[in-house]
């Protein structure tokens, strides 16, 4: 007996309920990670507010701050991608449209995330 899958499910290699739980957990864990990271980020920005470039670059150049900033960028883009995928799956009905939008969102997240991390590394490693 053949499996009943949607076109999008076949392309992604997923059947019914093969991704839901892991996707749900990933979204919750990234949200949980973003809470302390966002608090750290806001507190850090307040602490360097009004400082000149060398001071901010030195702050970002510390191993802890640089690492936390890269983790924040990764978690933010990953969490946003997961959330946008759910919105696309819920509100767009054509399978081809869903596939194109999900690929576009993931590609944009990878490009923007990598661009941000490269820019941060250039500041950190200077």
PDB file of N, CA and C in Angstrom:
ATOM      1  N   UNK A   1       0.843  -1.179   0.000  1.00  0.00           N
ATOM      2  CA  UNK A   1       0.000   0.000   0.000  1.00  0.00           C
ATOM      3  C   UNK A   1       0.885   1.238   0.000  1.00  0.00           C
ATOM      4  N   UNK A   2       0.644   2.190  -0.892  1.00  0.00           N
ATOM      5  CA  UNK A   2       1.446   3.402  -1.002  1.00  0.00           C
ATOM      6  C   UNK A   2       1.120   4.397   0.096  1.00  0.00           C
ATOM      7  N   UNK A   3       2.097   5.206   0.425  1.00  0.00           N
ATOM      8  CA  UNK A   3       1.893   6.239   1.435  1.00  0.00           C
ATOM      9  C   UNK A   3       1.156   7.416   0.838  1.00  0.00           C
ATOM     10  N   UNK A   4       0.325   8.042   1.638  1.00  0.00           N
ATOM     11  CA  UNK A   4      -0.368   9.247   1.198  1.00  0.00           C
ATOM     12  C   UNK A   4       0.402  10.445   1.720  1.00  0.00           C
ATOM     13  N   UNK A   5       1.060  11.140   0.816  1.00  0.00           N
ATOM     14  CA  UNK A   5       1.862  12.298   1.187  1.00  0.00           C
ATOM     15  C   UNK A   5       1.495  13.469   0.291  1.00  0.00           C
ATOM     16  N   UNK A   6       1.705  14.646   0.820  1.00  0.00           N
ATOM     17  CA  UNK A   6       1.540  15.830  -0.006  1.00  0.00           C
ATOM     18  C   UNK A   6       2.788  16.011  -0.850  1.00  0.00           C
ATOM     19  N   UNK A   7       2.689  16.830  -1.863  1.00  0.00           N
ATOM     20  CA  UNK A   7       3.851  17.118  -2.707  1.00  0.00           C
ATOM     21  C   UNK A   7       4.974  17.718  -1.871  1.00  0.00           C
ATOM     22  N   UNK A   8       4.629  18.678  -1.001  1.00  0.00           N
ATOM     23  CA  UNK A   8       5.622  19.302  -0.140  1.00  0.00           C
ATOM     24  C   UNK A   8       6.264  18.263   0.774  1.00  0.00           C
ATOM     25  N   UNK A   9       5.468  17.348   1.300  1.00  0.00           N
ATOM     26  CA  UNK A   9       5.992  16.296   2.165  1.00  0.00           C
ATOM     27  C   UNK A   9       6.949  15.375   1.431  1.00  0.00           C
ATOM     28  N   UNK A  10       6.628  15.054   0.175  1.00  0.00           N
ATOM     29  CA  UNK A  10       7.522  14.198  -0.617  1.00  0.00           C
ATOM     30  C   UNK A  10       8.842  14.894  -0.893  1.00  0.00           C
ATOM     31  N   UNK A  11       8.785  16.180  -1.223  1.00  0.00           N
ATOM     32  CA  UNK A  11      10.000  16.936  -1.514  1.00  0.00           C
ATOM     33  C   UNK A  11      10.880  17.009  -0.272  1.00  0.00           C
ATOM     34  N   UNK A  12      10.267  17.250   0.868  1.00  0.00           N
ATOM     35  CA  UNK A  12      11.039  17.360   2.105  1.00  0.00           C
ATOM     36  C   UNK A  12      11.328  15.997   2.718  1.00  0.00           C
ATOM     37  N   UNK A  13      10.759  14.932   2.185  1.00  0.00           N
ATOM     38  CA  UNK A  13      10.981  13.599   2.724  1.00  0.00           C
ATOM     39  C   UNK A  13      10.198  13.354   3.999  1.00  0.00           C
ATOM     40  N   UNK A  14       9.056  14.008   4.128  1.00  0.00           N
ATOM     41  CA  UNK A  14       8.266  13.895   5.348  1.00  0.00           C
ATOM     42  C   UNK A  14       6.890  13.340   5.036  1.00  0.00           C
ATOM     43  N   UNK A  15       6.386  12.570   5.931  1.00  0.00           N
ATOM     44  CA  UNK A  15       5.003  12.128   5.840  1.00  0.00           C
ATOM     45  C   UNK A  15       4.220  12.816   6.927  1.00  0.00           C
ATOM     46  N   UNK A  16       3.095  12.274   7.209  1.00  0.00           N
ATOM     47  CA  UNK A  16       2.238  12.832   8.244  1.00  0.00           C
ATOM     48  C   UNK A  16       2.924  12.748   9.609  1.00  0.00           C
ATOM     49  N   UNK A  17       2.975  13.860  10.310  1.00  0.00           N
ATOM     50  CA  UNK A  17       3.491  13.946  11.685  1.00  0.00           C
ATOM     51  C   UNK A  17       4.939  13.499  11.839  1.00  0.00           C
ATOM     52  N   UNK A  18       5.756  13.669  10.824  1.00  0.00           N
ATOM     53  CA  UNK A  18       7.157  13.265  10.946  1.00  0.00           C
ATOM     54  C   UNK A  18       8.046  14.391  11.459  1.00  0.00           C
ATOM     55  N   UNK A  19       7.574  15.639  11.399  1.00  0.00           N
ATOM     56  CA  UNK A  19       8.413  16.751  11.797  1.00  0.00           C
ATOM     57  C   UNK A  19       7.810  17.551  12.936  1.00  0.00           C
ATOM     58  N   UNK A  20       6.528  17.439  13.142  1.00  0.00           N
ATOM     59  CA  UNK A  20       5.813  18.323  14.054  1.00  0.00           C
ATOM     60  C   UNK A  20       6.413  18.472  15.434  1.00  0.00           C
ATOM     61  N   UNK A  21       6.702  17.368  16.099  1.00  0.00           N
ATOM     62  CA  UNK A  21       7.188  17.433  17.480  1.00  0.00           C
ATOM     63  C   UNK A  21       8.576  18.053  17.551  1.00  0.00           C
ATOM     64  N   UNK A  22       9.472  17.665  16.655  1.00  0.00           N
ATOM     65  CA  UNK A  22      10.827  18.229  16.698  1.00  0.00           C
ATOM     66  C   UNK A  22      10.801  19.716  16.336  1.00  0.00           C
ATOM     67  N   UNK A  23       9.942  20.085  15.399  1.00  0.00           N
ATOM     68  CA  UNK A  23       9.801  21.495  15.027  1.00  0.00           C
ATOM     69  C   UNK A  23       9.272  22.291  16.222  1.00  0.00           C
ATOM     70  N   UNK A  24       8.282  21.760  16.908  1.00  0.00           N
ATOM     71  CA  UNK A  24       7.684  22.409  18.079  1.00  0.00           C
ATOM     72  C   UNK A  24       8.738  22.594  19.170  1.00  0.00           C
ATOM     73  N   UNK A  25       9.495  21.536  19.446  1.00  0.00           N
ATOM     74  CA  UNK A  25      10.528  21.618  20.479  1.00  0.00           C
ATOM     75  C   UNK A  25      11.624  22.613  20.101  1.00  0.00           C
ATOM     76  N   UNK A  26      12.050  22.595  18.863  1.00  0.00           N
ATOM     77  CA  UNK A  26      13.097  23.523  18.412  1.00  0.00           C
ATOM     78  C   UNK A  26      12.633  24.961  18.583  1.00  0.00           C
ATOM     79  N   UNK A  27      11.373  25.218  18.257  1.00  0.00           N
ATOM     80  CA  UNK A  27      10.845  26.575  18.388  1.00  0.00           C
ATOM     81  C   UNK A  27      10.795  26.987  19.862  1.00  0.00           C
ATOM     82  N   UNK A  28      10.383  26.082  20.724  1.00  0.00           N
ATOM     83  CA  UNK A  28      10.310  26.398  22.162  1.00  0.00           C
ATOM     84  C   UNK A  28      11.695  26.575  22.769  1.00  0.00           C
ATOM     85  N   UNK A  29      12.642  25.728  22.376  1.00  0.00           N
ATOM     86  CA  UNK A  29      13.993  25.832  22.931  1.00  0.00           C
ATOM     87  C   UNK A  29      14.699  27.104  22.474  1.00  0.00           C
ATOM     88  N   UNK A  30      14.509  27.481  21.212  1.00  0.00           N
ATOM     89  CA  UNK A  30      15.123  28.729  20.756  1.00  0.00           C
ATOM     90  C   UNK A  30      14.478  29.924  21.439  1.00  0.00           C
ATOM     91  N   UNK A  31      13.168  29.855  21.666  1.00  0.00           N
ATOM     92  CA  UNK A  31      12.494  30.944  22.390  1.00  0.00           C
ATOM     93  C   UNK A  31      13.037  31.042  23.808  1.00  0.00           C
ATOM     94  N   UNK A  32      13.228  29.906  24.440  1.00  0.00           N
ATOM     95  CA  UNK A  32      13.772  29.881  25.802  1.00  0.00           C
ATOM     96  C   UNK A  32      15.204  30.423  25.830  1.00  0.00           C
ATOM     97  N   UNK A  33      16.011  30.063  24.849  1.00  0.00           N
ATOM     98  CA  UNK A  33      17.391  30.558  24.777  1.00  0.00           C
ATOM     99  C   UNK A  33      17.419  32.059  24.514  1.00  0.00           C
ATOM    100  N   UNK A  34      16.461  32.545  23.749  1.00  0.00           N
ATOM    101  CA  UNK A  34      16.449  33.970  23.409  1.00  0.00           C
ATOM    102  C   UNK A  34      16.104  34.869  24.588  1.00  0.00           C
ATOM    103  N   UNK A  35      15.458  34.348  25.607  1.00  0.00           N
ATOM    104  CA  UNK A  35      15.108  35.187  26.767  1.00  0.00           C
ATOM    105  C   UNK A  35      16.364  35.716  27.458  1.00  0.00           C
ATOM    106  N   UNK A  36      17.269  34.849  27.957  1.00  0.00           N
ATOM    107  CA  UNK A  36      18.466  35.407  28.602  1.00  0.00           C
ATOM    108  C   UNK A  36      19.381  36.137  27.618  1.00  0.00           C
ATOM    109  N   UNK A  37      19.421  35.669  26.376  1.00  0.00           N
ATOM    110  CA  UNK A  37      20.262  36.341  25.383  1.00  0.00           C
ATOM    111  C   UNK A  37      19.760  37.756  25.113  1.00  0.00           C
ATOM    112  N   UNK A  38      18.458  37.931  25.027  1.00  0.00           N
ATOM    113  CA  UNK A  38      17.891  39.272  24.797  1.00  0.00           C
ATOM    114  C   UNK A  38      18.127  40.180  25.999  1.00  0.00           C
ATOM    115  N   UNK A  39      18.002  39.635  27.205  1.00  0.00           N
ATOM    116  CA  UNK A  39      18.275  40.426  28.417  1.00  0.00           C
ATOM    117  C   UNK A  39      19.739  40.857  28.439  1.00  0.00           C
ATOM    118  N   UNK A  40      20.646  39.909  28.132  1.00  0.00           N
ATOM    119  CA  UNK A  40      22.070  40.234  28.069  1.00  0.00           C
ATOM    120  C   UNK A  40      22.323  41.311  27.021  1.00  0.00           C
ATOM    121  N   UNK A  41      21.715  41.169  25.845  1.00  0.00           N
ATOM    122  CA  UNK A  41      21.928  42.108  24.757  1.00  0.00           C
ATOM    123  C   UNK A  41      21.462  43.517  25.138  1.00  0.00           C
ATOM    124  N   UNK A  42      20.284  43.629  25.681  1.00  0.00           N
ATOM    125  CA  UNK A  42      19.757  44.955  26.062  1.00  0.00           C
ATOM    126  C   UNK A  42      20.640  45.580  27.140  1.00  0.00           C
ATOM    127  N   UNK A  43      20.999  44.789  28.164  1.00  0.00           N
ATOM    128  CA  UNK A  43      21.861  45.307  29.230  1.00  0.00           C
ATOM    129  C   UNK A  43      23.225  45.732  28.667  1.00  0.00           C
ATOM    130  N   UNK A  44      23.755  44.954  27.740  1.00  0.00           N
ATOM    131  CA  UNK A  44      25.051  45.272  27.141  1.00  0.00           C
ATOM    132  C   UNK A  44      24.992  46.538  26.308  1.00  0.00           C
ATOM    133  N   UNK A  45      23.952  46.677  25.520  1.00  0.00           N
ATOM    134  CA  UNK A  45      23.809  47.872  24.687  1.00  0.00           C
ATOM    135  C   UNK A  45      23.663  49.113  25.567  1.00  0.00           C
ATOM    136  N   UNK A  46      22.932  48.981  26.652  1.00  0.00           N
ATOM    137  CA  UNK A  46      22.803  50.114  27.583  1.00  0.00           C
ATOM    138  C   UNK A  46      24.162  50.463  28.170  1.00  0.00           C
ATOM    139  N   UNK A  47      24.967  49.430  28.482  1.00  0.00           N
ATOM    140  CA  UNK A  47      26.271  49.692  29.106  1.00  0.00           C
ATOM    141  C   UNK A  47      27.260  50.362  28.161  1.00  0.00           C
ATOM    142  N   UNK A  48      27.120  50.162  26.864  1.00  0.00           N
ATOM    143  CA  UNK A  48      28.043  50.796  25.913  1.00  0.00           C
ATOM    144  C   UNK A  48      27.384  51.944  25.137  1.00  0.00           C
ATOM    145  N   UNK A  49      26.184  52.307  25.540  1.00  0.00           N
ATOM    146  CA  UNK A  49      25.487  53.402  24.852  1.00  0.00           C
ATOM    147  C   UNK A  49      26.308  54.684  24.951  1.00  0.00           C
ATOM    148  N   UNK A  50      26.484  55.336  23.839  1.00  0.00           N
ATOM    149  CA  UNK A  50      27.228  56.584  23.798  1.00  0.00           C
ATOM    150  C   UNK A  50      28.730  56.417  23.705  1.00  0.00           C
ATOM    151  N   UNK A  51      29.198  55.188  23.763  1.00  0.00           N
ATOM    152  CA  UNK A  51      30.644  54.943  23.668  1.00  0.00           C
ATOM    153  C   UNK A  51      31.089  55.087  22.214  1.00  0.00           C
ATOM    154  N   UNK A  52      32.375  55.364  22.036  1.00  0.00           N
ATOM    155  CA  UNK A  52      32.891  55.487  20.678  1.00  0.00           C
ATOM    156  C   UNK A  52      33.219  54.099  20.114  1.00  0.00           C
ATOM    157  N   UNK A  53      33.549  54.061  18.842  1.00  0.00           N
ATOM    158  CA  UNK A  53      33.780  52.810  18.134  1.00  0.00           C
ATOM    159  C   UNK A  53      34.825  51.912  18.797  1.00  0.00           C
ATOM    160  N   UNK A  54      35.997  52.425  19.194  1.00  0.00           N
ATOM    161  CA  UNK A  54      36.998  51.534  19.805  1.00  0.00           C
ATOM    162  C   UNK A  54      36.498  50.847  21.079  1.00  0.00           C
ATOM    163  N   UNK A  55      35.706  51.550  21.865  1.00  0.00           N
ATOM    164  CA  UNK A  55      35.177  50.953  23.104  1.00  0.00           C
ATOM    165  C   UNK A  55      34.192  49.831  22.769  1.00  0.00           C
ATOM    166  N   UNK A  56      33.293  50.099  21.822  1.00  0.00           N
ATOM    167  CA  UNK A  56      32.306  49.079  21.433  1.00  0.00           C
ATOM    168  C   UNK A  56      33.010  47.899  20.770  1.00  0.00           C
ATOM    169  N   UNK A  57      33.999  48.165  19.937  1.00  0.00           N
ATOM    170  CA  UNK A  57      34.742  47.087  19.287  1.00  0.00           C
ATOM    171  C   UNK A  57      35.490  46.242  20.325  1.00  0.00           C
ATOM    172  N   UNK A  58      36.054  46.881  21.335  1.00  0.00           N
ATOM    173  CA  UNK A  58      36.736  46.148  22.406  1.00  0.00           C
ATOM    174  C   UNK A  58      35.741  45.304  23.200  1.00  0.00           C
ATOM    175  N   UNK A  59      34.573  45.882  23.451  1.00  0.00           N
ATOM    176  CA  UNK A  59      33.524  45.129  24.168  1.00  0.00           C
ATOM    177  C   UNK A  59      33.129  43.896  23.364  1.00  0.00           C
ATOM    178  N   UNK A  60      32.885  44.079  22.065  1.00  0.00           N
ATOM    179  CA  UNK A  60      32.488  42.965  21.213  1.00  0.00           C
ATOM    180  C   UNK A  60      33.639  41.982  21.009  1.00  0.00           C
ATOM    181  N   UNK A  61      34.868  42.473  21.101  1.00  0.00           N
ATOM    182  CA  UNK A  61      36.039  41.626  20.909  1.00  0.00           C
ATOM    183  C   UNK A  61      36.330  40.688  22.058  1.00  0.00           C
ATOM    184  N   UNK A  62      35.686  40.889  23.199  1.00  0.00           N
ATOM    185  CA  UNK A  62      35.909  39.945  24.297  1.00  0.00           C
ATOM    186  C   UNK A  62      35.289  38.604  23.916  1.00  0.00           C
ATOM    187  N   UNK A  63      35.944  37.495  24.283  1.00  0.00           N
ATOM    188  CA  UNK A  63      35.437  36.175  23.882  1.00  0.00           C
ATOM    189  C   UNK A  63      33.994  35.914  24.328  1.00  0.00           C
ATOM    190  N   UNK A  64      33.649  36.315  25.528  1.00  0.00           N
ATOM    191  CA  UNK A  64      32.286  36.070  26.017  1.00  0.00           C
ATOM    192  C   UNK A  64      31.261  36.871  25.224  1.00  0.00           C
ATOM    193  N   UNK A  65      31.485  38.169  25.077  1.00  0.00           N
ATOM    194  CA  UNK A  65      30.518  38.999  24.371  1.00  0.00           C
ATOM    195  C   UNK A  65      30.406  38.631  22.897  1.00  0.00           C
ATOM    196  N   UNK A  66      31.533  38.379  22.253  1.00  0.00           N
ATOM    197  CA  UNK A  66      31.510  37.978  20.845  1.00  0.00           C
ATOM    198  C   UNK A  66      30.770  36.664  20.651  1.00  0.00           C
ATOM    199  N   UNK A  67      31.041  35.706  21.515  1.00  0.00           N
ATOM    200  CA  UNK A  67      30.373  34.403  21.418  1.00  0.00           C
ATOM    201  C   UNK A  67      28.871  34.528  21.658  1.00  0.00           C
ATOM    202  N   UNK A  68      28.502  35.281  22.689  1.00  0.00           N
ATOM    203  CA  UNK A  68      27.076  35.452  22.973  1.00  0.00           C
ATOM    204  C   UNK A  68      26.357  36.175  21.833  1.00  0.00           C
ATOM    205  N   UNK A  69      27.032  37.122  21.217  1.00  0.00           N
ATOM    206  CA  UNK A  69      26.413  37.842  20.094  1.00  0.00           C
ATOM    207  C   UNK A  69      26.184  36.906  18.913  1.00  0.00           C
ATOM    208  N   UNK A  70      27.148  36.052  18.611  1.00  0.00           N
ATOM    209  CA  UNK A  70      26.988  35.093  17.511  1.00  0.00           C
ATOM    210  C   UNK A  70      25.875  34.097  17.826  1.00  0.00           C
ATOM    211  N   UNK A  71      25.811  33.630  19.062  1.00  0.00           N
ATOM    212  CA  UNK A  71      24.730  32.717  19.469  1.00  0.00           C
ATOM    213  C   UNK A  71      23.375  33.415  19.361  1.00  0.00           C
ATOM    214  N   UNK A  72      23.325  34.677  19.764  1.00  0.00           N
ATOM    215  CA  UNK A  72      22.080  35.453  19.658  1.00  0.00           C
ATOM    216  C   UNK A  72      21.629  35.559  18.206  1.00  0.00           C
ATOM    217  N   UNK A  73      22.553  35.860  17.305  1.00  0.00           N
ATOM    218  CA  UNK A  73      22.210  35.978  15.877  1.00  0.00           C
ATOM    219  C   UNK A  73      21.695  34.639  15.347  1.00  0.00           C
ATOM    220  N   UNK A  74      22.418  33.571  15.643  1.00  0.00           N
ATOM    221  CA  UNK A  74      22.002  32.244  15.168  1.00  0.00           C
ATOM    222  C   UNK A  74      20.623  31.880  15.707  1.00  0.00           C
ATOM    223  N   UNK A  75      20.423  32.024  17.005  1.00  0.00           N
ATOM    224  CA  UNK A  75      19.144  31.657  17.618  1.00  0.00           C
ATOM    225  C   UNK A  75      17.996  32.504  17.076  1.00  0.00           C
ATOM    226  N   UNK A  76      18.254  33.783  16.858  1.00  0.00           N
ATOM    227  CA  UNK A  76      17.212  34.678  16.342  1.00  0.00           C
ATOM    228  C   UNK A  76      16.783  34.274  14.942  1.00  0.00           C
ATOM    229  N   UNK A  77      17.742  34.070  14.050  1.00  0.00           N
ATOM    230  CA  UNK A  77      17.390  33.697  12.679  1.00  0.00           C
ATOM    231  C   UNK A  77      16.758  32.312  12.616  1.00  0.00           C
ATOM    232  N   UNK A  78      17.243  31.385  13.425  1.00  0.00           N
ATOM    233  CA  UNK A  78      16.671  30.032  13.421  1.00  0.00           C
ATOM    234  C   UNK A  78      15.236  30.065  13.950  1.00  0.00           C
ATOM    235  N   UNK A  79      15.020  30.775  15.039  1.00  0.00           N
ATOM    236  CA  UNK A  79      13.681  30.887  15.626  1.00  0.00           C
ATOM    237  C   UNK A  79      12.717  31.571  14.647  1.00  0.00           C
ATOM    238  N   UNK A  80      13.172  32.624  13.994  1.00  0.00           N
ATOM    239  CA  UNK A  80      12.330  33.321  13.021  1.00  0.00           C
ATOM    240  C   UNK A  80      11.974  32.414  11.848  1.00  0.00           C
ATOM    241  N   UNK A  81      12.940  31.638  11.387  1.00  0.00           N
ATOM    242  CA  UNK A  81      12.685  30.717  10.280  1.00  0.00           C
ATOM    243  C   UNK A  81      11.645  29.677  10.662  1.00  0.00           C
ATOM    244  N   UNK A  82      11.767  29.127  11.867  1.00  0.00           N
ATOM    245  CA  UNK A  82      10.788  28.144  12.325  1.00  0.00           C
ATOM    246  C   UNK A  82       9.387  28.755  12.394  1.00  0.00           C
ATOM    247  N   UNK A  83       9.298  29.947  12.935  1.00  0.00           N
ATOM    248  CA  UNK A  83       8.011  30.606  13.064  1.00  0.00           C
ATOM    249  C   UNK A  83       7.397  30.949  11.717  1.00  0.00           C
ATOM    250  N   UNK A  84       8.198  31.474  10.805  1.00  0.00           N
ATOM    251  CA  UNK A  84       7.686  31.810   9.476  1.00  0.00           C
ATOM    252  C   UNK A  84       7.262  30.567   8.703  1.00  0.00           C
ATOM    253  N   UNK A  85       7.954  29.469   8.909  1.00  0.00           N
ATOM    254  CA  UNK A  85       7.558  28.220   8.245  1.00  0.00           C
ATOM    255  C   UNK A  85       6.171  27.802   8.696  1.00  0.00           C
ATOM    256  N   UNK A  86       5.885  27.915   9.978  1.00  0.00           N
ATOM    257  CA  UNK A  86       4.558  27.568  10.497  1.00  0.00           C
ATOM    258  C   UNK A  86       3.490  28.479   9.900  1.00  0.00           C
ATOM    259  N   UNK A  87       3.784  29.772   9.829  1.00  0.00           N
ATOM    260  CA  UNK A  87       2.829  30.718   9.243  1.00  0.00           C
ATOM    261  C   UNK A  87       2.561  30.357   7.781  1.00  0.00           C
ATOM    262  N   UNK A  88       3.605  30.072   7.036  1.00  0.00           N
ATOM    263  CA  UNK A  88       3.448  29.704   5.624  1.00  0.00           C
ATOM    264  C   UNK A  88       2.618  28.431   5.492  1.00  0.00           C
ATOM    265  N   UNK A  89       2.933  27.426   6.294  1.00  0.00           N
ATOM    266  CA  UNK A  89       2.197  26.161   6.219  1.00  0.00           C
ATOM    267  C   UNK A  89       0.733  26.328   6.601  1.00  0.00           C
ATOM    268  N   UNK A  90       0.446  27.253   7.507  1.00  0.00           N
ATOM    269  CA  UNK A  90      -0.934  27.451   7.961  1.00  0.00           C
ATOM    270  C   UNK A  90      -1.765  28.323   7.030  1.00  0.00           C
ATOM    271  N   UNK A  91      -1.155  29.304   6.393  1.00  0.00           N
ATOM    272  CA  UNK A  91      -1.939  30.306   5.678  1.00  0.00           C
ATOM    273  C   UNK A  91      -1.816  30.279   4.161  1.00  0.00           C
ATOM    274  N   UNK A  92      -0.920  29.491   3.615  1.00  0.00           N
ATOM    275  CA  UNK A  92      -0.816  29.362   2.169  1.00  0.00           C
ATOM    276  C   UNK A  92      -1.260  27.956   1.795  1.00  0.00           C
ATOM    277  N   UNK A  93      -2.089  27.858   0.771  1.00  0.00           N
ATOM    278  CA  UNK A  93      -2.726  26.575   0.496  1.00  0.00           C
ATOM    279  C   UNK A  93      -2.116  25.799  -0.659  1.00  0.00           C
ATOM    280  N   UNK A  94      -1.538  26.440  -1.615  1.00  0.00           N
ATOM    281  CA  UNK A  94      -0.911  25.723  -2.721  1.00  0.00           C
ATOM    282  C   UNK A  94       0.414  25.122  -2.286  1.00  0.00           C
ATOM    283  N   UNK A  95       0.614  23.857  -2.598  1.00  0.00           N
ATOM    284  CA  UNK A  95       1.848  23.178  -2.177  1.00  0.00           C
ATOM    285  C   UNK A  95       3.086  23.805  -2.820  1.00  0.00           C
ATOM    286  N   UNK A  96       2.984  24.170  -4.090  1.00  0.00           N
ATOM    287  CA  UNK A  96       4.122  24.789  -4.774  1.00  0.00           C
ATOM    288  C   UNK A  96       4.456  26.139  -4.140  1.00  0.00           C
ATOM    289  N   UNK A  97       3.420  26.906  -3.812  1.00  0.00           N
ATOM    290  CA  UNK A  97       3.623  28.207  -3.163  1.00  0.00           C
ATOM    291  C   UNK A  97       4.303  28.023  -1.818  1.00  0.00           C
ATOM    292  N   UNK A  98       3.817  27.056  -1.045  1.00  0.00           N
ATOM    293  CA  UNK A  98       4.432  26.773   0.261  1.00  0.00           C
ATOM    294  C   UNK A  98       5.912  26.429   0.103  1.00  0.00           C
ATOM    295  N   UNK A  99       6.199  25.563  -0.844  1.00  0.00           N
ATOM    296  CA  UNK A  99       7.579  25.124  -1.050  1.00  0.00           C
ATOM    297  C   UNK A  99       8.478  26.295  -1.422  1.00  0.00           C
ATOM    298  N   UNK A 100       8.035  27.114  -2.366  1.00  0.00           N
ATOM    299  CA  UNK A 100       8.834  28.259  -2.803  1.00  0.00           C
ATOM    300  C   UNK A 100       9.053  29.233  -1.652  1.00  0.00           C
ATOM    301  N   UNK A 101       7.999  29.525  -0.894  1.00  0.00           N
ATOM    302  CA  UNK A 101       8.125  30.474   0.218  1.00  0.00           C
ATOM    303  C   UNK A 101       9.026  29.944   1.328  1.00  0.00           C
ATOM    304  N   UNK A 102       8.890  28.671   1.652  1.00  0.00           N
ATOM    305  CA  UNK A 102       9.724  28.085   2.704  1.00  0.00           C
ATOM    306  C   UNK A 102      11.197  28.094   2.277  1.00  0.00           C
ATOM    307  N   UNK A 103      11.465  27.744   1.040  1.00  0.00           N
ATOM    308  CA  UNK A 103      12.847  27.779   0.545  1.00  0.00           C
ATOM    309  C   UNK A 103      13.373  29.213   0.567  1.00  0.00           C
ATOM    310  N   UNK A 104      12.543  30.172   0.159  1.00  0.00           N
ATOM    311  CA  UNK A 104      12.970  31.578   0.147  1.00  0.00           C
ATOM    312  C   UNK A 104      13.266  32.074   1.556  1.00  0.00           C
ATOM    313  N   UNK A 105      12.415  31.720   2.510  1.00  0.00           N
ATOM    314  CA  UNK A 105      12.632  32.138   3.897  1.00  0.00           C
ATOM    315  C   UNK A 105      13.913  31.527   4.447  1.00  0.00           C
ATOM    316  N   UNK A 106      14.114  30.247   4.199  1.00  0.00           N
ATOM    317  CA  UNK A 106      15.332  29.590   4.695  1.00  0.00           C
ATOM    318  C   UNK A 106      16.589  30.154   4.029  1.00  0.00           C
ATOM    319  N   UNK A 107      16.510  30.418   2.737  1.00  0.00           N
ATOM    320  CA  UNK A 107      17.660  30.990   2.033  1.00  0.00           C
ATOM    321  C   UNK A 107      17.963  32.393   2.555  1.00  0.00           C
ATOM    322  N   UNK A 108      16.931  33.199   2.752  1.00  0.00           N
ATOM    323  CA  UNK A 108      17.130  34.555   3.281  1.00  0.00           C
ATOM    324  C   UNK A 108      17.728  34.499   4.682  1.00  0.00           C
ATOM    325  N   UNK A 109      17.239  33.585   5.511  1.00  0.00           N
ATOM    326  CA  UNK A 109      17.761  33.465   6.876  1.00  0.00           C
ATOM    327  C   UNK A 109      19.235  33.058   6.863  1.00  0.00           C
ATOM    328  N   UNK A 110      19.591  32.120   5.999  1.00  0.00           N
ATOM    329  CA  UNK A 110      20.988  31.684   5.918  1.00  0.00           C
ATOM    330  C   UNK A 110      21.872  32.833   5.438  1.00  0.00           C
ATOM    331  N   UNK A 111      21.449  33.510   4.368  1.00  0.00           N
ATOM    332  CA  UNK A 111      22.257  34.609   3.828  1.00  0.00           C
ATOM    333  C   UNK A 111      22.388  35.765   4.819  1.00  0.00           C
ATOM    334  N   UNK A 112      21.286  36.174   5.396  1.00  0.00           N
ATOM    335  CA  UNK A 112      21.341  37.285   6.354  1.00  0.00           C
ATOM    336  C   UNK A 112      22.085  36.895   7.636  1.00  0.00           C
ATOM    337  N   UNK A 113      21.854  35.675   8.110  1.00  0.00           N
ATOM    338  CA  UNK A 113      22.548  35.209   9.309  1.00  0.00           C
ATOM    339  C   UNK A 113      24.048  35.111   9.097  1.00  0.00           C
ATOM    340  N   UNK A 114      24.442  34.506   7.974  1.00  0.00           N
ATOM    341  CA  UNK A 114      25.877  34.401   7.684  1.00  0.00           C
ATOM    342  C   UNK A 114      26.512  35.774   7.478  1.00  0.00           C
ATOM    343  N   UNK A 115      25.803  36.654   6.787  1.00  0.00           N
ATOM    344  CA  UNK A 115      26.314  38.017   6.595  1.00  0.00           C
ATOM    345  C   UNK A 115      26.520  38.727   7.920  1.00  0.00           C
ATOM    346  N   UNK A 116      25.576  38.564   8.820  1.00  0.00           N
ATOM    347  CA  UNK A 116      25.685  39.187  10.141  1.00  0.00           C
ATOM    348  C   UNK A 116      26.848  38.597  10.927  1.00  0.00           C
ATOM    349  N   UNK A 117      26.976  37.280  10.892  1.00  0.00           N
ATOM    350  CA  UNK A 117      28.059  36.627  11.639  1.00  0.00           C
ATOM    351  C   UNK A 117      29.425  36.990  11.054  1.00  0.00           C
ATOM    352  N   UNK A 118      29.525  37.072   9.742  1.00  0.00           N
ATOM    353  CA  UNK A 118      30.795  37.491   9.119  1.00  0.00           C
ATOM    354  C   UNK A 118      31.146  38.910   9.549  1.00  0.00           C
ATOM    355  N   UNK A 119      30.152  39.803   9.552  1.00  0.00           N
ATOM    356  CA  UNK A 119      30.402  41.186   9.987  1.00  0.00           C
ATOM    357  C   UNK A 119      30.851  41.217  11.447  1.00  0.00           C
ATOM    358  N   UNK A 120      30.215  40.414  12.288  1.00  0.00           N
ATOM    359  CA  UNK A 120      30.612  40.351  13.701  1.00  0.00           C
ATOM    360  C   UNK A 120      32.031  39.810  13.840  1.00  0.00           C
ATOM    361  N   UNK A 121      32.353  38.761  13.093  1.00  0.00           N
ATOM    362  CA  UNK A 121      33.698  38.185  13.181  1.00  0.00           C
ATOM    363  C   UNK A 121      34.762  39.188  12.716  1.00  0.00           C
ATOM    364  N   UNK A 122      34.426  39.989  11.718  1.00  0.00           N
ATOM    365  CA  UNK A 122      35.394  41.014  11.269  1.00  0.00           C
ATOM    366  C   UNK A 122      35.639  42.036  12.373  1.00  0.00           C
ATOM    367  N   UNK A 123      34.608  42.356  13.143  1.00  0.00           N
ATOM    368  CA  UNK A 123      34.792  43.271  14.271  1.00  0.00           C
ATOM    369  C   UNK A 123      35.533  42.602  15.420  1.00  0.00           C
ATOM    370  N   UNK A 124      35.216  41.351  15.663  1.00  0.00           N
ATOM    371  CA  UNK A 124      35.809  40.632  16.792  1.00  0.00           C
ATOM    372  C   UNK A 124      37.290  40.364  16.535  1.00  0.00           C
ATOM    373  N   UNK A 125      37.629  39.922  15.343  1.00  0.00           N
ATOM    374  CA  UNK A 125      38.998  39.503  15.031  1.00  0.00           C
ATOM    375  C   UNK A 125      39.890  40.666  14.630  1.00  0.00           C
ATOM    376  N   UNK A 126      39.352  41.761  14.209  1.00  0.00           N
ATOM    377  CA  UNK A 126      40.051  42.942  13.681  1.00  0.00           C
ATOM    378  C   UNK A 126      41.501  42.855  13.805  1.00  0.00           C
TER     379      UNK A 126
END
